[in-house]
Amino acid sequence: MVMAETIKGRVVLKSVPNRETEEKIAEYLANIYRDCSYIEIACLVTGKKPLTLVQGITDENGKKLVFDLNKMGAQAFFRTNLNTLYTN
């Protein structure tokens, strides 16, 4: 039996409208990525965009992350290694 290959890609943060949203996103990401401090993540989130947040994430997890970021007010998207795009 052949298992279907899991599609992987990357989540990109395209823009964040304001400082309040940046803080929410940094806090959210700090809870997910515990290897990095809130300050490290906040510096990245407030920096130059577009910003690749994660690479090699499954499509299911990538789409959930994009959904959550967009719900907070950011513009984020998931791009698979097959060059398909998911924005929300």
Protein backbone atom coordinates (compact mmCIF):
# COMPACT_ATOMS: atom_id res chain seq x y z
CA MET A 1 0.00 0.00 0.00
CA VAL A 2 1.41 3.40 -1.00
CA MET A 3 0.81 6.32 1.36
CA ALA A 4 0.00 9.72 -0.07
CA GLU A 5 2.85 12.17 0.27
CA THR A 6 2.18 14.98 2.71
CA ILE A 7 2.30 18.37 1.03
CA LYS A 8 4.62 20.76 2.82
CA GLY A 9 5.31 24.44 2.38
CA ARG A 10 5.98 27.69 4.18
CA VAL A 11 3.98 30.32 6.01
CA VAL A 12 4.79 33.90 5.09
CA LEU A 13 3.75 36.98 7.03
CA LYS A 14 3.10 39.63 4.40
CA SER A 15 1.99 42.58 6.53
CA VAL A 16 0.68 43.60 9.94
CA PRO A 17 -1.57 46.68 10.17
CA ASN A 18 -0.51 48.10 13.54
CA ARG A 19 1.56 47.74 16.70
CA GLU A 20 -1.27 46.16 18.69
CA THR A 21 -1.63 43.38 16.12
CA GLU A 22 2.14 42.87 16.05
CA GLU A 23 2.09 42.32 19.80
CA LYS A 24 -0.78 39.81 19.57
CA ILE A 25 0.99 37.90 16.82
CA ALA A 26 4.31 37.86 18.69
CA GLU A 27 2.59 36.51 21.80
CA TYR A 28 0.75 33.87 19.77
CA LEU A 29 3.94 32.75 18.00
CA ALA A 30 5.93 32.71 21.27
CA ASN A 31 3.42 30.19 22.63
CA ILE A 32 3.90 27.98 19.57
CA TYR A 33 7.67 28.31 19.13
CA ARG A 34 8.96 27.94 22.67
CA ASP A 35 12.60 27.77 21.55
CA CYS A 36 12.50 31.52 20.84
CA SER A 37 11.75 34.25 23.35
CA TYR A 38 8.89 36.72 22.98
CA ILE A 39 11.43 39.51 22.40
CA GLU A 40 13.16 37.61 19.57
CA ILE A 41 9.84 36.90 17.89
CA ALA A 42 8.57 40.47 18.42
CA CYS A 43 11.71 41.82 16.74
CA LEU A 44 11.09 39.60 13.72
CA VAL A 45 7.38 40.42 13.51
CA THR A 46 8.01 44.17 13.65
CA GLY A 47 10.81 43.96 11.10
CA LYS A 48 10.93 43.83 7.32
CA LYS A 49 8.14 42.05 5.48
CA PRO A 50 7.49 39.64 3.88
CA LEU A 51 8.78 37.35 6.62
CA THR A 52 8.90 33.57 6.30
CA LEU A 53 7.71 32.31 9.68
CA VAL A 54 8.15 28.59 9.12
CA GLN A 55 9.30 26.27 6.33
CA GLY A 56 8.56 22.59 5.89
CA ILE A 57 5.19 22.78 7.64
CA THR A 58 2.38 20.46 6.53
CA ASP A 59 -0.45 21.98 4.57
CA GLU A 60 -2.93 21.28 7.36
CA ASN A 61 -0.84 23.04 10.02
CA GLY A 62 0.21 25.79 7.61
CA LYS A 63 -3.36 26.62 6.70
CA LYS A 64 -4.36 26.69 10.38
CA LEU A 65 -1.50 29.06 11.19
CA VAL A 66 -2.46 31.34 8.27
CA PHE A 67 -6.10 31.30 9.37
CA ASP A 68 -5.15 32.29 12.93
CA LEU A 69 -2.78 35.06 11.80
CA ASN A 70 -5.32 36.50 9.36
CA LYS A 71 -8.01 36.34 12.05
CA MET A 72 -5.77 38.53 14.24
CA GLY A 73 -5.58 41.11 11.44
CA ALA A 74 -2.35 40.22 9.67
CA GLN A 75 -1.94 39.29 6.03
CA ALA A 76 -0.31 35.88 5.84
CA PHE A 77 -0.27 33.08 3.31
CA PHE A 78 0.78 29.47 2.91
CA ARG A 79 2.76 28.53 -0.17
CA THR A 80 3.38 24.88 -0.88
CA ASN A 81 6.51 23.50 -2.40
CA LEU A 82 4.32 22.92 -5.47
CA ASN A 83 3.91 26.73 -5.80
CA THR A 84 0.25 26.77 -4.86
CA LEU A 85 -0.99 29.55 -2.64
CA TYR A 86 -3.46 29.54 0.26
CA THR A 87 -4.40 32.86 1.85
CA ASN A 88 -7.47 32.04 3.95
